Amino acid sequence: MEQRLSASLEDYLEAILHIVAKKHVARAKEIVQRLGVNHSSVTVALRSLANKGLINYAPYEVVTLTVEGKRVSEDVARRHSALQRLFIKVLSVDPSLADETACEMEHTLPPDILDSLTDFVDFVERCPQCLEEFRREQPRKEKR
């Protein structure tokens, strides 16, 4: 049975995934820097993720993902990426706003909607004239 993680724990897993992709392991101080949180928050989150079997963690040691942790973190990153691509490539949203909004929305997106959304973005990327037509038909909106 799949366990439901809080948005915060999903963010920690995604951060660990990105750090491990670059450095093979993560350290608490790198997670602190990436997420802009304090060290005690990271410690609590790492203990929780370790108790759920998603990371390998011991105090003052490096952090790695378990097989299940890698699967879950990759799913979170995939949801984030799909939303970010939609916002930037289709809706022409500023990249920093797109990233921030994708991070907020990624935690609630059901898998079937994510799959449809990803298919749509892939289609639009293969059909630039469709995207141009969509943009021509949209009323001009002031930048927020």
C-alpha atoms as a PDB file:
ATOM      1  CA  MET A   1       0.000   0.000   0.000  1.00  0.00           C
ATOM      2  CA  GLU A   2       1.396   3.376  -1.017  1.00  0.00           C
ATOM      3  CA  GLN A   3       1.885   5.869   1.768  1.00  0.00           C
ATOM      4  CA  ARG A   4       0.785   9.450   1.290  1.00  0.00           C
ATOM      5  CA  LEU A   5       3.494  12.007   1.972  1.00  0.00           C
ATOM      6  CA  SER A   6       2.999  15.613   2.974  1.00  0.00           C
ATOM      7  CA  ALA A   7       3.902  18.290   0.442  1.00  0.00           C
ATOM      8  CA  SER A   8       6.868  19.191   2.638  1.00  0.00           C
ATOM      9  CA  LEU A   9       8.258  15.642   2.673  1.00  0.00           C
ATOM     10  CA  GLU A  10       7.796  15.417  -1.096  1.00  0.00           C
ATOM     11  CA  ASP A  11       9.823  18.636  -1.422  1.00  0.00           C
ATOM     12  CA  TYR A  12      12.599  17.106   0.692  1.00  0.00           C
ATOM     13  CA  LEU A  13      12.622  13.974  -1.468  1.00  0.00           C
ATOM     14  CA  GLU A  14      12.757  16.032  -4.649  1.00  0.00           C
ATOM     15  CA  ALA A  15      15.632  18.118  -3.247  1.00  0.00           C
ATOM     16  CA  ILE A  16      17.524  14.961  -2.288  1.00  0.00           C
ATOM     17  CA  LEU A  17      16.950  13.538  -5.773  1.00  0.00           C
ATOM     18  CA  HIS A  18      18.457  16.641  -7.420  1.00  0.00           C
ATOM     19  CA  ILE A  19      21.431  16.769  -5.041  1.00  0.00           C
ATOM     20  CA  VAL A  20      22.137  13.040  -5.417  1.00  0.00           C
ATOM     21  CA  ALA A  21      21.941  13.387  -9.213  1.00  0.00           C
ATOM     22  CA  LYS A  22      24.804  15.887  -9.062  1.00  0.00           C
ATOM     23  CA  LYS A  23      26.881  14.567  -6.157  1.00  0.00           C
ATOM     24  CA  HIS A  24      25.784  10.899  -5.708  1.00  0.00           C
ATOM     25  CA  VAL A  25      24.919  11.610  -2.068  1.00  0.00           C
ATOM     26  CA  ALA A  26      23.274  14.462  -0.190  1.00  0.00           C
ATOM     27  CA  ARG A  27      24.244  16.155   3.036  1.00  0.00           C
ATOM     28  CA  ALA A  28      21.908  17.908   5.431  1.00  0.00           C
ATOM     29  CA  LYS A  29      23.614  21.266   4.846  1.00  0.00           C
ATOM     30  CA  GLU A  30      22.995  20.966   1.082  1.00  0.00           C
ATOM     31  CA  ILE A  31      19.315  20.296   1.725  1.00  0.00           C
ATOM     32  CA  VAL A  32      19.207  23.319   4.057  1.00  0.00           C
ATOM     33  CA  GLN A  33      20.672  25.486   1.286  1.00  0.00           C
ATOM     34  CA  ARG A  34      18.465  24.113  -1.494  1.00  0.00           C
ATOM     35  CA  LEU A  35      15.190  24.439   0.400  1.00  0.00           C
ATOM     36  CA  GLY A  36      16.026  27.492   2.491  1.00  0.00           C
ATOM     37  CA  VAL A  37      14.978  25.839   5.742  1.00  0.00           C
ATOM     38  CA  ASN A  38      16.749  25.466   9.071  1.00  0.00           C
ATOM     39  CA  HIS A  39      18.885  22.499  10.043  1.00  0.00           C
ATOM     40  CA  SER A  40      16.483  21.215  12.714  1.00  0.00           C
ATOM     41  CA  SER A  41      13.647  21.048  10.146  1.00  0.00           C
ATOM     42  CA  VAL A  42      15.875  19.015   7.846  1.00  0.00           C
ATOM     43  CA  THR A  43      16.755  16.618  10.670  1.00  0.00           C
ATOM     44  CA  VAL A  44      13.079  16.028  11.487  1.00  0.00           C
ATOM     45  CA  ALA A  45      12.228  15.474   7.814  1.00  0.00           C
ATOM     46  CA  LEU A  46      15.171  13.118   7.253  1.00  0.00           C
ATOM     47  CA  ARG A  47      14.176  11.012  10.262  1.00  0.00           C
ATOM     48  CA  SER A  48      10.617  10.814   8.967  1.00  0.00           C
ATOM     49  CA  LEU A  49      11.716   9.839   5.452  1.00  0.00           C
ATOM     50  CA  ALA A  50      14.102   7.218   6.880  1.00  0.00           C
ATOM     51  CA  ASN A  51      11.314   5.780   9.054  1.00  0.00           C
ATOM     52  CA  LYS A  52       9.162   5.468   5.929  1.00  0.00           C
ATOM     53  CA  GLY A  53      11.941   3.570   4.166  1.00  0.00           C
ATOM     54  CA  LEU A  54      12.513   6.251   1.536  1.00  0.00           C
ATOM     55  CA  ILE A  55      16.068   7.306   2.400  1.00  0.00           C
ATOM     56  CA  ASN A  56      19.166   5.912   4.046  1.00  0.00           C
ATOM     57  CA  TYR A  57      20.045   8.315   6.831  1.00  0.00           C
ATOM     58  CA  ALA A  58      21.986   8.449  10.061  1.00  0.00           C
ATOM     59  CA  PRO A  59      22.898  11.648  11.928  1.00  0.00           C
ATOM     60  CA  TYR A  60      26.038  13.325  10.554  1.00  0.00           C
ATOM     61  CA  GLU A  61      26.179  10.885   7.648  1.00  0.00           C
ATOM     62  CA  VAL A  62      25.365  11.294   3.963  1.00  0.00           C
ATOM     63  CA  VAL A  63      21.822  10.765   2.679  1.00  0.00           C
ATOM     64  CA  THR A  64      20.905   8.454  -0.182  1.00  0.00           C
ATOM     65  CA  LEU A  65      17.596   7.353  -1.621  1.00  0.00           C
ATOM     66  CA  THR A  66      16.306   3.822  -1.237  1.00  0.00           C
ATOM     67  CA  VAL A  67      14.836   2.130  -4.307  1.00  0.00           C
ATOM     68  CA  GLU A  68      11.359   3.177  -3.182  1.00  0.00           C
ATOM     69  CA  GLY A  69      12.584   6.673  -2.327  1.00  0.00           C
ATOM     70  CA  LYS A  70      14.050   7.038  -5.800  1.00  0.00           C
ATOM     71  CA  ARG A  71      10.755   5.956  -7.364  1.00  0.00           C
ATOM     72  CA  VAL A  72       8.708   8.380  -5.261  1.00  0.00           C
ATOM     73  CA  SER A  73      11.129  11.288  -5.721  1.00  0.00           C
ATOM     74  CA  GLU A  74      11.239  10.751  -9.488  1.00  0.00           C
ATOM     75  CA  ASP A  75       7.433  10.830  -9.554  1.00  0.00           C
ATOM     76  CA  VAL A  76       7.407  14.152  -7.680  1.00  0.00           C
ATOM     77  CA  ALA A  77      10.034  15.572 -10.061  1.00  0.00           C
ATOM     78  CA  ARG A  78       8.043  14.332 -13.083  1.00  0.00           C
ATOM     79  CA  ARG A  79       4.897  16.103 -11.862  1.00  0.00           C
ATOM     80  CA  HIS A  80       6.888  19.280 -11.241  1.00  0.00           C
ATOM     81  CA  SER A  81       8.485  19.142 -14.677  1.00  0.00           C
ATOM     82  CA  ALA A  82       5.182  18.519 -16.479  1.00  0.00           C
ATOM     83  CA  LEU A  83       3.548  21.502 -14.801  1.00  0.00           C
ATOM     84  CA  GLN A  84       6.570  23.711 -15.341  1.00  0.00           C
ATOM     85  CA  ARG A  85       6.685  22.798 -19.050  1.00  0.00           C
ATOM     86  CA  LEU A  86       2.982  23.609 -19.399  1.00  0.00           C
ATOM     87  CA  PHE A  87       3.358  26.982 -17.723  1.00  0.00           C
ATOM     88  CA  ILE A  88       6.486  28.031 -19.631  1.00  0.00           C
ATOM     89  CA  LYS A  89       6.106  26.451 -23.066  1.00  0.00           C
ATOM     90  CA  VAL A  90       2.351  26.634 -23.529  1.00  0.00           C
ATOM     91  CA  LEU A  91       1.167  29.477 -21.306  1.00  0.00           C
ATOM     92  CA  SER A  92       4.310  31.671 -21.553  1.00  0.00           C
ATOM     93  CA  VAL A  93       4.560  32.142 -17.794  1.00  0.00           C
ATOM     94  CA  ASP A  94       7.747  33.661 -16.389  1.00  0.00           C
ATOM     95  CA  PRO A  95      10.093  30.752 -15.509  1.00  0.00           C
ATOM     96  CA  SER A  96      10.518  31.682 -11.835  1.00  0.00           C
ATOM     97  CA  LEU A  97       6.761  32.002 -11.343  1.00  0.00           C
ATOM     98  CA  ALA A  98       6.250  28.762 -13.286  1.00  0.00           C
ATOM     99  CA  ASP A  99       8.710  26.944 -10.998  1.00  0.00           C
ATOM    100  CA  GLU A 100       7.120  28.324  -7.829  1.00  0.00           C
ATOM    101  CA  THR A 101       3.592  27.484  -8.990  1.00  0.00           C
ATOM    102  CA  ALA A 102       4.586  24.019 -10.205  1.00  0.00           C
ATOM    103  CA  CYS A 103       6.093  23.342  -6.780  1.00  0.00           C
ATOM    104  CA  GLU A 104       2.810  24.274  -5.114  1.00  0.00           C
ATOM    105  CA  MET A 105       0.622  22.260  -7.488  1.00  0.00           C
ATOM    106  CA  GLU A 106       2.758  19.140  -7.936  1.00  0.00           C
ATOM    107  CA  HIS A 107       1.623  17.680  -4.634  1.00  0.00           C
ATOM    108  CA  THR A 108      -2.049  17.395  -5.523  1.00  0.00           C
ATOM    109  CA  LEU A 109      -2.022  16.425  -9.197  1.00  0.00           C
ATOM    110  CA  PRO A 110      -3.592  12.974  -9.725  1.00  0.00           C
ATOM    111  CA  PRO A 111      -1.564  10.605 -11.949  1.00  0.00           C
ATOM    112  CA  ASP A 112      -4.199  10.378 -14.698  1.00  0.00           C
ATOM    113  CA  ILE A 113      -4.355  14.177 -15.030  1.00  0.00           C
ATOM    114  CA  LEU A 114      -0.559  14.331 -15.031  1.00  0.00           C
ATOM    115  CA  ASP A 115      -0.415  11.778 -17.848  1.00  0.00           C
ATOM    116  CA  SER A 116      -2.952  13.748 -19.913  1.00  0.00           C
ATOM    117  CA  LEU A 117      -1.153  16.999 -19.226  1.00  0.00           C
ATOM    118  CA  THR A 118       2.198  15.523 -20.222  1.00  0.00           C
ATOM    119  CA  ASP A 119       0.696  14.123 -23.435  1.00  0.00           C
ATOM    120  CA  PHE A 120      -0.764  17.550 -24.215  1.00  0.00           C
ATOM    121  CA  VAL A 121       2.542  19.376 -23.686  1.00  0.00           C
ATOM    122  CA  ASP A 122       4.341  16.752 -25.797  1.00  0.00           C
ATOM    123  CA  PHE A 123       1.753  17.240 -28.554  1.00  0.00           C
ATOM    124  CA  VAL A 124       2.079  21.020 -28.485  1.00  0.00           C
ATOM    125  CA  GLU A 125       5.861  20.741 -28.647  1.00  0.00           C
ATOM    126  CA  ARG A 126       5.512  18.563 -31.767  1.00  0.00           C
ATOM    127  CA  CYS A 127       2.962  20.958 -33.277  1.00  0.00           C
ATOM    128  CA  PRO A 128       4.304  24.513 -33.059  1.00  0.00           C
ATOM    129  CA  GLN A 129       1.571  25.820 -35.361  1.00  0.00           C
ATOM    130  CA  CYS A 130      -1.037  24.585 -32.842  1.00  0.00           C
ATOM    131  CA  LEU A 131       0.663  26.551 -30.107  1.00  0.00           C
ATOM    132  CA  GLU A 132       0.850  29.677 -32.260  1.00  0.00           C
ATOM    133  CA  GLU A 133      -2.841  29.401 -33.095  1.00  0.00           C
ATOM    134  CA  PHE A 134      -3.689  28.959 -29.420  1.00  0.00           C
ATOM    135  CA  ARG A 135      -1.692  32.055 -28.531  1.00  0.00           C
ATOM    136  CA  ARG A 136      -3.316  34.131 -31.292  1.00  0.00           C
ATOM    137  CA  GLU A 137      -6.763  33.245 -29.973  1.00  0.00           C
ATOM    138  CA  GLN A 138      -5.987  34.146 -26.376  1.00  0.00           C
ATOM    139  CA  PRO A 139      -6.998  37.642 -25.316  1.00  0.00           C
ATOM    140  CA  ARG A 140      -4.038  39.817 -24.428  1.00  0.00           C
ATOM    141  CA  LYS A 141      -3.531  39.901 -20.696  1.00  0.00           C
ATOM    142  CA  GLU A 142      -1.370  42.270 -18.764  1.00  0.00           C
ATOM    143  CA  LYS A 143       1.658  40.686 -17.126  1.00  0.00           C
ATOM    144  CA  ARG A 144       1.113  40.164 -13.412  1.00  0.00           C
END
